Amino acid sequence: MPLKPKAYWRYLGFYFDCGLTFHEHVHYYATKVFTTVQAMCMLRNSTRGLSPKQQCLLYRSCVVPIAMYGYCLWYFDGARNKGAMNQLKWMQQKAALWIMGAFHTSPTGSLEALAGLIPVHLMLKKLVAHAVYRVATLSDTHPLRSMMGERLLKQAEPHARSAALMTPAMRGKVKSTVMEVDKCVHTLTESFEPFVPEARPADGSVPQSNQYQATSATIIYKGYHELKRTHYGSGRVTTPDAELNAIACAVCLAVKQANCQHIMVFTDSMGLAHKVVDPSMHSGQAFSLSVCHVLQEWFKVDDLCCITFVYIPSAFQWDIHGEAHKYITEHKVRVGCRKTDNSIDVLRSQATHSVLDTWGSNFQDCTYQGSEFLELQWPDGWPLQPLYLNRGPWLSYFGCSITEFARVCQCITGHAPIGAYYHRFKIDEPHGCTCGAALQSCQHILFRCRDRYSTHYPHFLGDIASFMKCNSMVFGFNQDPSGVG
């Protein structure tokens, strides 16, 4: 049989076409995850099977990683990927319908918010931002550095198509992940050492206002006598970064004291106490390396030298740890004209919060959430917003019961087996309410129907839960008295 050439080449799970559009790659994985989602429907029906929380966990753990495989190749600023995005959005809509048990006519935006599924384009935007900053953790001779600009080449030889060899005019025209890295990674000021010998195998510090830097403070005691105290700005970093900085400073100052054999470090994070003596790759690696170096020399001086880390929560403000907490909160360091340090964790956090803010802004549009969407509030009066962490407020509250969550979803979206829905989609079913009203709508059932029990206007998730408990059949299908079959 004659061999038939293919229009693409498969290598390591990637599908390369002649124009490097990666349309075949996205189509293959979008089809794969879509069939996976369809197969998952066998794991639950309307009354039995996985709970909505378990469904969401299964989808995010087993389906999303497949869909996002190789995203850096085809998703970047300026890429022509509208068709690819539509395939992935279709896949997530199918998953959201499965998790929610909602009608197919329900708005996709409201379903994603209720299920705690961040929209696909925002998920990709967050992942790309994180991947951009990970380039800084590569070794100086890593092959990927040969494609980067001059600032990121380090010891790598530039490739013939490297960004370092492009003219300014070419850089403005070329759109790729490499150009995205060259444009954004300069905001990262933290440096990494992936192959240092030590890394080989063998709170009140962060202010709420963006006007101030995170600060670190250290107070050195010998017995009850204070020897030294110091504080300094750490730049724009996360709370763990600032705490790691403070621990490193404390250890480096303590080993310099005369006749010091036992160091006790009081901290409110034992996880960072372990990280400060871990030279492997992580945010704040430079502080860990400095601690490892000074301790290595200190332990050589005397066999009796030892260091102990003691956990004390900052909120309790006990004794000397409380004194350090008070000392650091009294000193605020403004963000001046000088360029401040940015750790990789804080830049990743900023990218994530930017994506979540965009999601929340889109959610305010009634065309996104649906015209019938029921807006609820937190106990403090703020409206409920879609969240990606912990599956969002709606799924985390109602996600243990299949039938209850399906009814709640139908109630909040307005797409429920009621008269208003039958009237809107021209379904041959009664449009009136059992109380005699001409049109049975969600607003009528919740606030005006005489046949339903409701004590007040539902502001919170708990109000909806109480209403559903007192009206066990509302927003659900009526059982046929003649039975099934």
Protein backbone atom coordinates (compact mmCIF):
# COMPACT_ATOMS: atom_id res chain seq x y z
CA MET A 1 0.00 0.00 0.00
CA PRO A 2 1.36 3.46 -0.85
CA LEU A 3 2.20 5.75 2.05
CA LYS A 4 -0.07 8.76 2.44
CA PRO A 5 1.65 11.89 3.78
CA LYS A 6 0.05 13.71 6.69
CA ALA A 7 -0.28 17.44 7.07
CA TYR A 8 1.19 17.37 10.57
CA TRP A 9 4.00 15.74 12.56
CA ARG A 10 3.54 14.31 16.04
CA TYR A 11 6.44 14.51 18.48
CA LEU A 12 6.34 14.13 22.29
CA GLY A 13 2.60 14.64 22.29
CA PHE A 14 2.76 17.84 20.21
CA TYR A 15 1.21 18.13 16.74
CA PHE A 16 3.24 20.33 14.40
CA ASP A 17 1.70 21.54 11.13
CA CYS A 18 3.50 23.24 8.24
CA GLY A 19 2.58 26.75 9.35
CA LEU A 20 3.13 26.07 13.07
CA THR A 21 -0.42 27.23 13.80
CA PHE A 22 -0.95 24.23 16.12
CA HIS A 23 -4.58 24.01 15.03
CA GLU A 24 -4.27 20.23 14.77
CA HIS A 25 -2.71 20.10 18.25
CA VAL A 26 -5.55 22.05 19.85
CA HIS A 27 -8.19 20.16 17.87
CA TYR A 28 -6.77 16.80 18.99
CA TYR A 29 -6.68 17.66 22.69
CA ALA A 30 -9.99 19.54 22.63
CA THR A 31 -11.64 16.47 21.09
CA LYS A 32 -9.94 14.23 23.64
CA VAL A 33 -11.11 16.23 26.65
CA PHE A 34 -14.59 16.65 25.20
CA THR A 35 -15.01 12.89 24.86
CA THR A 36 -13.58 12.51 28.38
CA VAL A 37 -16.21 14.89 29.75
CA GLN A 38 -18.92 13.00 27.90
CA ALA A 39 -17.66 9.72 29.37
CA MET A 40 -17.68 11.26 32.86
CA CYS A 41 -21.43 11.71 32.56
CA MET A 42 -21.72 7.99 33.36
CA LEU A 43 -20.35 8.69 36.85
CA ARG A 44 -23.48 10.56 37.92
CA ASN A 45 -27.15 10.90 37.14
CA SER A 46 -29.78 13.23 38.57
CA THR A 47 -30.00 11.39 41.90
CA ARG A 48 -26.92 9.19 42.42
CA GLY A 49 -23.17 9.24 41.84
CA LEU A 50 -20.46 11.80 42.43
CA SER A 51 -21.35 14.98 44.29
CA PRO A 52 -20.88 18.34 42.50
CA LYS A 53 -17.76 19.03 44.59
CA GLN A 54 -16.25 15.70 43.54
CA GLN A 55 -17.17 16.35 39.91
CA CYS A 56 -15.46 19.74 39.97
CA LEU A 57 -12.34 18.23 41.55
CA LEU A 58 -12.28 15.45 38.94
CA TYR A 59 -12.65 17.89 36.06
CA ARG A 60 -9.97 20.30 37.30
CA SER A 61 -7.54 17.49 38.15
CA CYS A 62 -7.94 15.17 35.15
CA VAL A 63 -9.41 17.18 32.27
CA VAL A 64 -7.99 20.71 32.51
CA PRO A 65 -4.30 19.57 32.44
CA ILE A 66 -4.98 17.64 29.20
CA ALA A 67 -6.73 20.61 27.61
CA MET A 68 -3.88 22.98 28.54
CA TYR A 69 -1.08 20.68 27.37
CA GLY A 70 1.39 22.70 25.30
CA TYR A 71 -0.51 25.98 25.75
CA CYS A 72 2.72 28.02 25.50
CA LEU A 73 3.04 26.98 21.84
CA TRP A 74 -0.22 28.48 20.64
CA TYR A 75 -1.50 30.94 23.26
CA PHE A 76 0.29 34.30 23.44
CA ASP A 77 -0.47 37.96 22.82
CA GLY A 78 -1.42 38.42 19.17
CA ALA A 79 -1.92 34.72 18.37
CA ARG A 80 -4.73 33.77 16.00
CA ASN A 81 -6.45 31.17 18.12
CA LYS A 82 -10.12 32.10 18.05
CA GLY A 83 -11.13 28.69 16.69
CA ALA A 84 -9.01 26.88 19.27
CA MET A 85 -10.51 28.94 22.08
CA ASN A 86 -14.04 28.19 20.90
CA GLN A 87 -13.33 24.45 21.06
CA LEU A 88 -12.05 24.71 24.63
CA LYS A 89 -14.94 26.96 25.68
CA TRP A 90 -17.36 24.40 24.25
CA MET A 91 -15.62 21.69 26.28
CA GLN A 92 -15.84 23.70 29.52
CA GLN A 93 -19.49 24.54 28.90
CA LYS A 94 -20.20 20.81 28.63
CA ALA A 95 -18.32 20.20 31.90
CA ALA A 96 -20.16 23.03 33.68
CA LEU A 97 -23.53 21.62 32.60
CA TRP A 98 -22.48 18.20 33.91
CA ILE A 99 -21.31 19.56 37.26
CA MET A 100 -24.33 21.81 37.76
CA GLY A 101 -27.05 19.53 36.43
CA ALA A 102 -28.43 22.64 34.71
CA PHE A 103 -30.44 23.16 31.54
CA HIS A 104 -28.54 23.52 28.27
CA THR A 105 -30.11 26.95 27.80
CA SER A 106 -28.41 28.31 30.96
CA PRO A 107 -25.89 31.14 30.36
CA THR A 108 -22.33 29.83 30.28
CA GLY A 109 -21.03 32.74 32.37
CA SER A 110 -23.37 32.00 35.26
CA LEU A 111 -22.62 28.27 35.10
CA GLU A 112 -18.85 28.85 35.26
CA ALA A 113 -19.28 31.20 38.22
CA LEU A 114 -21.53 28.81 40.14
CA ALA A 115 -19.18 25.88 39.48
CA GLY A 116 -16.04 27.87 40.33
CA LEU A 117 -14.55 27.30 36.87
CA ILE A 118 -12.47 30.23 35.68
CA PRO A 119 -13.13 31.02 31.98
CA VAL A 120 -10.72 29.27 29.63
CA HIS A 121 -9.14 32.44 28.21
CA LEU A 122 -8.45 33.79 31.71
CA MET A 123 -7.02 30.46 32.83
CA LEU A 124 -4.63 30.50 29.87
CA LYS A 125 -3.69 34.12 30.58
CA LYS A 126 -2.77 33.20 34.16
CA LEU A 127 -0.79 30.12 33.13
CA VAL A 128 1.17 32.04 30.50
CA ALA A 129 2.09 34.75 33.03
CA HIS A 130 3.35 32.10 35.45
CA ALA A 131 5.31 30.38 32.68
CA VAL A 132 6.94 33.67 31.67
CA TYR A 133 8.36 34.18 35.15
CA ARG A 134 9.54 30.56 35.35
CA VAL A 135 12.04 31.34 32.58
CA ALA A 136 14.09 33.18 35.22
CA THR A 137 14.62 29.88 37.06
CA LEU A 138 16.35 28.22 34.08
CA SER A 139 20.07 27.57 34.16
CA ASP A 140 22.41 30.01 32.39
CA THR A 141 23.10 27.51 29.59
CA HIS A 142 19.56 26.19 29.14
CA PRO A 143 18.67 25.74 25.42
CA LEU A 144 15.59 27.94 25.78
CA ARG A 145 17.77 30.91 26.70
CA SER A 146 19.30 30.81 23.21
CA MET A 147 15.96 32.09 21.85
CA MET A 148 15.63 34.98 24.31
CA GLY A 149 16.69 38.62 24.18
CA GLU A 150 20.07 39.94 25.28
CA ARG A 151 19.11 40.32 28.95
CA LEU A 152 18.08 36.66 29.21
CA LEU A 153 20.78 34.98 27.10
CA LYS A 154 23.22 34.60 29.99
CA GLN A 155 25.86 32.03 28.84
CA ALA A 156 23.74 30.50 26.04
CA GLU A 157 24.71 30.99 22.40
CA PRO A 158 22.02 32.96 20.53
CA HIS A 159 20.01 31.00 17.97
CA ALA A 160 19.81 32.25 14.40
CA ARG A 161 16.21 33.32 15.07
CA SER A 162 16.86 34.56 18.60
CA ALA A 163 15.13 37.71 19.82
CA ALA A 164 18.60 39.07 20.62
CA LEU A 165 19.44 39.19 16.89
CA MET A 166 16.20 40.87 15.82
CA THR A 167 16.01 44.53 14.89
CA PRO A 168 13.59 46.75 16.85
CA ALA A 169 11.27 46.78 13.83
CA MET A 170 11.20 42.97 13.71
CA ARG A 171 10.51 42.72 17.43
CA GLY A 172 7.44 44.89 16.99
CA LYS A 173 6.06 42.59 14.29
CA VAL A 174 6.89 39.14 15.66
CA LYS A 175 4.30 37.63 18.01
CA SER A 176 5.36 34.59 20.02
CA THR A 177 5.86 33.28 23.54
CA VAL A 178 9.53 34.27 23.34
CA MET A 179 8.60 37.90 22.74
CA GLU A 180 6.13 37.70 25.62
CA VAL A 181 8.94 36.58 27.94
CA ASP A 182 11.28 39.33 26.74
CA LYS A 183 8.58 41.93 27.38
CA CYS A 184 7.46 40.89 30.86
CA VAL A 185 10.23 39.09 32.73
CA HIS A 186 12.24 42.28 33.35
CA THR A 187 9.83 43.16 36.19
CA LEU A 188 11.26 40.22 38.17
CA THR A 189 14.25 41.30 40.26
CA GLU A 190 14.82 38.02 42.11
CA SER A 191 17.72 35.83 40.94
CA PHE A 192 18.01 32.04 41.11
CA GLU A 193 20.86 29.53 41.24
CA PRO A 194 19.57 26.15 40.02
CA PHE A 195 22.91 24.32 40.14
CA VAL A 196 24.68 25.61 43.23
CA PRO A 197 26.47 22.80 45.12
CA GLU A 198 24.18 23.19 48.14
CA ALA A 199 21.09 22.52 46.01
CA ARG A 200 22.28 19.23 44.64
CA PRO A 201 20.53 16.08 45.87
CA ALA A 202 22.46 14.24 48.62
CA ASP A 203 1.60 38.78 58.87
CA GLY A 204 2.48 42.40 59.95
CA SER A 205 5.38 42.50 57.53
CA VAL A 206 3.31 43.04 54.38
CA PRO A 207 1.21 46.26 54.32
CA GLN A 208 -2.29 46.46 52.86
CA SER A 209 -1.51 49.64 50.90
CA ASN A 210 0.50 49.55 47.69
CA GLN A 211 2.22 52.77 48.80
CA TYR A 212 4.44 50.81 51.19
CA GLN A 213 6.99 48.04 50.82
CA ALA A 214 6.96 44.85 52.83
CA THR A 215 9.33 45.17 55.79
CA SER A 216 11.42 42.65 57.70
CA ALA A 217 12.67 43.07 61.25
CA THR A 218 15.03 41.17 63.55
CA ILE A 219 15.76 41.58 67.27
CA ILE A 220 18.76 39.72 68.77
CA TYR A 221 18.66 38.78 72.48
CA LYS A 222 21.24 37.10 74.69
CA GLY A 223 19.25 35.85 77.62
CA TYR A 224 17.04 38.82 78.54
CA HIS A 225 19.54 41.40 77.27
CA GLU A 226 18.88 42.91 73.85
CA LEU A 227 21.99 43.01 71.67
CA LYS A 228 20.75 44.41 68.36
CA ARG A 229 17.63 45.24 66.40
CA THR A 230 17.22 46.14 62.75
CA HIS A 231 14.50 46.58 60.15
CA TYR A 232 14.55 47.25 56.41
CA GLY A 233 12.32 47.29 53.35
CA SER A 234 12.02 44.02 51.46
CA GLY A 235 10.35 45.42 48.35
CA ARG A 236 7.10 44.15 46.89
CA VAL A 237 7.11 40.57 48.12
CA THR A 238 4.63 38.16 49.68
CA THR A 239 4.30 37.55 53.42
CA PRO A 240 6.31 34.28 53.25
CA ASP A 241 9.08 36.07 51.32
CA ALA A 242 9.32 38.78 53.99
CA GLU A 243 9.32 36.20 56.80
CA LEU A 244 12.04 34.20 55.03
CA ASN A 245 14.08 37.38 54.67
CA ALA A 246 13.71 38.14 58.39
CA ILE A 247 14.75 34.62 59.45
CA ALA A 248 17.82 34.78 57.20
CA CYS A 249 18.79 38.15 58.65
CA ALA A 250 18.35 36.85 62.21
CA VAL A 251 20.55 33.81 61.63
CA CYS A 252 23.28 35.82 59.86
CA LEU A 253 23.40 38.34 62.73
CA ALA A 254 23.28 35.70 65.46
CA VAL A 255 26.28 33.70 64.23
CA LYS A 256 28.40 36.88 64.42
CA GLN A 257 27.88 37.22 68.17
CA ALA A 258 30.83 36.22 70.34
CA ASN A 259 30.70 32.83 72.11
CA CYS A 260 27.41 31.92 70.46
CA GLN A 261 26.70 28.18 70.61
CA HIS A 262 22.90 27.93 70.63
CA ILE A 263 20.59 30.00 68.40
CA MET A 264 16.84 30.02 69.03
CA VAL A 265 14.76 31.59 66.25
CA PHE A 266 11.17 32.57 67.14
CA THR A 267 8.98 32.64 64.03
CA ASP A 268 5.31 32.32 63.13
CA SER A 269 5.93 29.93 60.21
CA MET A 270 7.60 26.56 60.69
CA GLY A 271 7.22 25.90 56.98
CA LEU A 272 9.54 28.81 56.27
CA ALA A 273 11.88 27.62 59.01
CA HIS A 274 12.34 24.45 56.97
CA LYS A 275 12.63 26.42 53.72
CA VAL A 276 15.33 28.73 55.08
CA VAL A 277 17.74 25.77 55.26
CA ASP A 278 16.57 24.33 51.92
CA PRO A 279 18.93 25.43 49.10
CA SER A 280 16.78 24.02 46.29
CA MET A 281 14.88 26.19 43.79
CA HIS A 282 12.10 28.30 45.34
CA SER A 283 11.07 31.90 45.80
CA GLY A 284 13.62 33.49 48.14
CA GLN A 285 16.33 30.95 47.31
CA ALA A 286 19.04 33.60 47.76
CA PHE A 287 18.14 33.97 51.45
CA SER A 288 18.23 30.20 51.96
CA LEU A 289 21.66 29.96 50.33
CA SER A 290 23.06 32.72 52.56
CA VAL A 291 21.77 30.92 55.67
CA CYS A 292 23.23 27.60 54.51
CA HIS A 293 26.60 29.23 53.91
CA VAL A 294 26.85 30.96 57.31
CA LEU A 295 25.57 27.91 59.22
CA GLN A 296 28.04 25.66 57.43
CA GLU A 297 30.94 27.82 58.64
CA TRP A 298 29.41 28.26 62.10
CA PHE A 299 28.99 24.52 62.68
CA LYS A 300 32.66 23.96 61.78
CA VAL A 301 33.79 26.20 64.65
CA ASP A 302 32.34 24.11 67.47
CA ASP A 303 30.66 20.70 67.60
CA LEU A 304 28.29 22.01 70.30
CA CYS A 305 26.74 24.65 68.03
CA CYS A 306 23.04 24.11 67.38
CA ILE A 307 20.02 26.05 66.12
CA THR A 308 16.38 25.70 67.24
CA PHE A 309 13.27 27.11 65.57
CA VAL A 310 10.32 27.92 67.86
CA TYR A 311 6.80 28.48 66.53
CA ILE A 312 4.88 31.43 68.01
CA PRO A 313 1.77 32.86 66.24
CA SER A 314 2.13 36.59 65.56
CA ALA A 315 -1.46 37.29 66.58
CA PHE A 316 -0.70 36.33 70.20
CA GLN A 317 2.18 38.84 70.39
CA TRP A 318 3.93 36.90 73.17
CA ASP A 319 7.00 38.33 74.89
CA ILE A 320 9.98 38.97 72.59
CA HIS A 321 8.09 37.89 69.47
CA GLY A 322 5.40 40.41 70.32
CA GLU A 323 8.10 43.05 70.73
CA ALA A 324 9.37 42.28 67.21
CA HIS A 325 5.82 42.43 65.84
CA LYS A 326 5.26 45.84 67.45
CA TYR A 327 8.65 47.06 66.21
CA ILE A 328 7.99 46.16 62.59
CA THR A 329 4.44 47.56 62.46
CA GLU A 330 5.67 50.94 63.72
CA HIS A 331 8.04 51.36 60.78
CA LYS A 332 6.66 51.75 57.28
CA VAL A 333 8.86 52.06 54.21
CA ARG A 334 7.28 53.86 51.27
CA VAL A 335 7.70 52.75 47.69
CA GLY A 336 9.89 55.52 46.30
CA CYS A 337 11.26 56.37 42.89
CA ARG A 338 13.94 53.71 43.25
CA LYS A 339 13.09 50.39 41.67
CA THR A 340 11.87 47.93 44.32
CA ASP A 341 12.52 44.21 44.40
CA ASN A 342 9.85 41.86 43.06
CA SER A 343 9.95 38.18 44.00
CA ILE A 344 8.66 35.51 41.63
CA ASP A 345 5.85 34.61 44.04
CA VAL A 346 4.52 38.16 44.22
CA LEU A 347 4.51 38.49 40.41
CA ARG A 348 2.66 35.19 40.09
CA SER A 349 0.19 36.40 42.70
CA GLN A 350 -0.33 39.66 40.81
CA ALA A 351 -1.00 37.76 37.58
CA THR A 352 -3.57 35.55 39.33
CA HIS A 353 -5.33 38.50 40.98
CA SER A 354 -5.40 40.38 37.67
CA VAL A 355 -7.17 37.45 36.02
CA LEU A 356 -9.65 37.11 38.89
CA ASP A 357 -10.39 40.86 38.77
CA THR A 358 -11.12 40.57 35.05
CA TRP A 359 -13.43 37.64 35.72
CA GLY A 360 -15.25 39.62 38.41
CA SER A 361 -15.57 42.63 36.09
CA ASN A 362 -17.00 40.48 33.29
CA PHE A 363 -19.42 38.93 35.76
CA GLN A 364 -21.07 42.33 36.37
CA ASP A 365 -22.36 42.32 32.79
CA CYS A 366 -25.91 40.96 32.70
CA THR A 367 -25.31 39.50 29.24
CA TYR A 368 -22.52 37.37 30.74
CA GLN A 369 -24.30 36.10 33.85
CA GLY A 370 -27.79 36.04 32.31
CA SER A 371 -30.70 38.44 32.69
CA GLU A 372 -32.44 36.23 35.28
CA PHE A 373 -29.39 35.67 37.52
CA LEU A 374 -30.24 35.98 41.23
CA GLU A 375 -27.62 38.18 42.92
CA LEU A 376 -26.77 37.24 46.51
CA GLN A 377 -24.50 38.78 49.14
CA TRP A 378 -21.91 37.88 51.74
CA PRO A 379 -22.95 38.52 55.37
CA ASP A 380 -20.92 41.77 55.29
CA GLY A 381 -23.04 43.11 52.43
CA TRP A 382 -20.59 42.60 49.55
CA PRO A 383 -22.08 40.81 46.50
CA LEU A 384 -20.99 37.25 45.79
CA GLN A 385 -18.25 37.11 43.17
CA PRO A 386 -16.99 34.09 41.21
CA LEU A 387 -13.85 32.54 42.67
CA TYR A 388 -11.51 29.85 41.42
CA LEU A 389 -10.05 28.84 44.79
CA ASN A 390 -12.07 26.37 46.89
CA ARG A 391 -14.51 25.97 43.97
CA GLY A 392 -16.21 29.33 44.60
CA PRO A 393 -18.92 30.30 47.12
CA TRP A 394 -21.90 28.57 45.51
CA LEU A 395 -20.36 25.14 44.93
CA SER A 396 -18.58 25.10 48.30
CA TYR A 397 -21.90 25.81 50.07
CA PHE A 398 -24.28 23.49 48.19
CA GLY A 399 -21.90 21.07 46.45
CA CYS A 400 -22.48 18.02 48.66
CA SER A 401 -25.98 17.18 47.38
CA ILE A 402 -26.67 16.40 43.72
CA THR A 403 -30.37 17.21 43.72
CA GLU A 404 -30.15 20.26 45.98
CA PHE A 405 -27.36 21.85 43.97
CA ALA A 406 -29.22 21.27 40.69
CA ARG A 407 -32.31 22.99 42.13
CA VAL A 408 -30.23 25.88 43.49
CA CYS A 409 -28.53 26.29 40.11
CA GLN A 410 -31.88 26.37 38.33
CA CYS A 411 -33.19 28.89 40.86
CA ILE A 412 -30.21 31.26 40.59
CA THR A 413 -29.92 31.14 36.78
CA GLY A 414 -33.68 31.35 36.23
CA HIS A 415 -33.56 28.35 33.89
CA ALA A 416 -35.87 26.01 35.81
CA PRO A 417 -38.93 23.86 34.98
CA ILE A 418 -41.40 26.69 35.73
CA GLY A 419 -44.00 28.61 33.75
CA ALA A 420 -41.75 31.54 32.76
CA TYR A 421 -39.20 29.14 31.26
CA TYR A 422 -41.90 27.22 29.36
CA HIS A 423 -43.30 30.51 28.05
CA ARG A 424 -39.89 31.87 26.97
CA PHE A 425 -38.88 28.75 25.02
CA LYS A 426 -42.42 28.00 23.76
CA ILE A 427 -42.75 24.66 25.55
CA ASP A 428 -46.22 23.14 25.67
CA GLU A 429 -46.60 23.18 29.45
CA PRO A 430 -48.76 25.28 31.83
CA HIS A 431 -47.40 28.80 32.34
CA GLY A 432 -49.40 29.74 35.42
CA CYS A 433 -48.63 29.18 39.10
CA THR A 434 -50.54 26.91 41.47
CA CYS A 435 -51.52 29.98 43.51
CA GLY A 436 -53.45 31.40 40.54
CA ALA A 437 -50.86 33.84 39.15
CA ALA A 438 -50.79 34.11 35.35
CA LEU A 439 -47.01 33.55 35.04
CA GLN A 440 -44.86 31.42 37.33
CA SER A 441 -41.43 33.11 37.44
CA CYS A 442 -38.49 32.76 39.84
CA GLN A 443 -39.21 36.18 41.31
CA HIS A 444 -42.83 35.22 41.87
CA ILE A 445 -41.94 31.92 43.56
CA LEU A 446 -39.35 33.50 45.86
CA PHE A 447 -41.17 36.68 46.86
CA ARG A 448 -44.90 36.63 46.08
CA CYS A 449 -46.29 33.09 45.82
CA ARG A 450 -48.82 32.28 48.57
CA ASP A 451 -48.20 28.53 48.21
CA ARG A 452 -44.50 28.85 49.15
CA TYR A 453 -42.95 29.41 52.55
CA SER A 454 -40.62 32.42 52.62
CA THR A 455 -39.95 34.65 55.61
CA HIS A 456 -37.96 37.45 53.95
CA TYR A 457 -36.10 38.52 50.83
CA PRO A 458 -33.26 36.03 50.17
CA HIS A 459 -30.01 37.98 50.48
CA PHE A 460 -27.59 35.19 51.40
CA LEU A 461 -26.83 31.60 50.45
CA GLY A 462 -28.28 30.50 53.78
CA ASP A 463 -31.62 32.11 52.86
CA ILE A 464 -31.79 30.09 49.65
CA ALA A 465 -30.87 26.94 51.58
CA SER A 466 -33.68 27.56 54.10
CA PHE A 467 -36.17 28.22 51.31
CA MET A 468 -35.21 25.00 49.53
CA LYS A 469 -35.48 23.03 52.76
CA CYS A 470 -38.99 24.32 53.48
CA ASN A 471 -40.10 23.84 49.86
CA SER A 472 -38.57 20.51 48.89
CA MET A 473 -40.21 20.29 45.44
CA VAL A 474 -39.75 23.86 44.23
CA PHE A 475 -37.54 24.43 41.13
CA GLY A 476 -37.61 20.69 40.47
CA PHE A 477 -39.56 18.46 38.12
CA ASN A 478 -42.95 17.25 39.25
CA GLN A 479 -43.29 13.49 39.50
CA ASP A 480 -45.79 11.90 37.15
CA PRO A 481 -48.52 10.32 39.31
CA SER A 482 -48.87 7.49 36.80
CA GLY A 483 -45.23 6.51 37.29
CA VAL A 484 -42.50 5.91 34.71
CA GLY A 485 -42.93 3.52 31.80
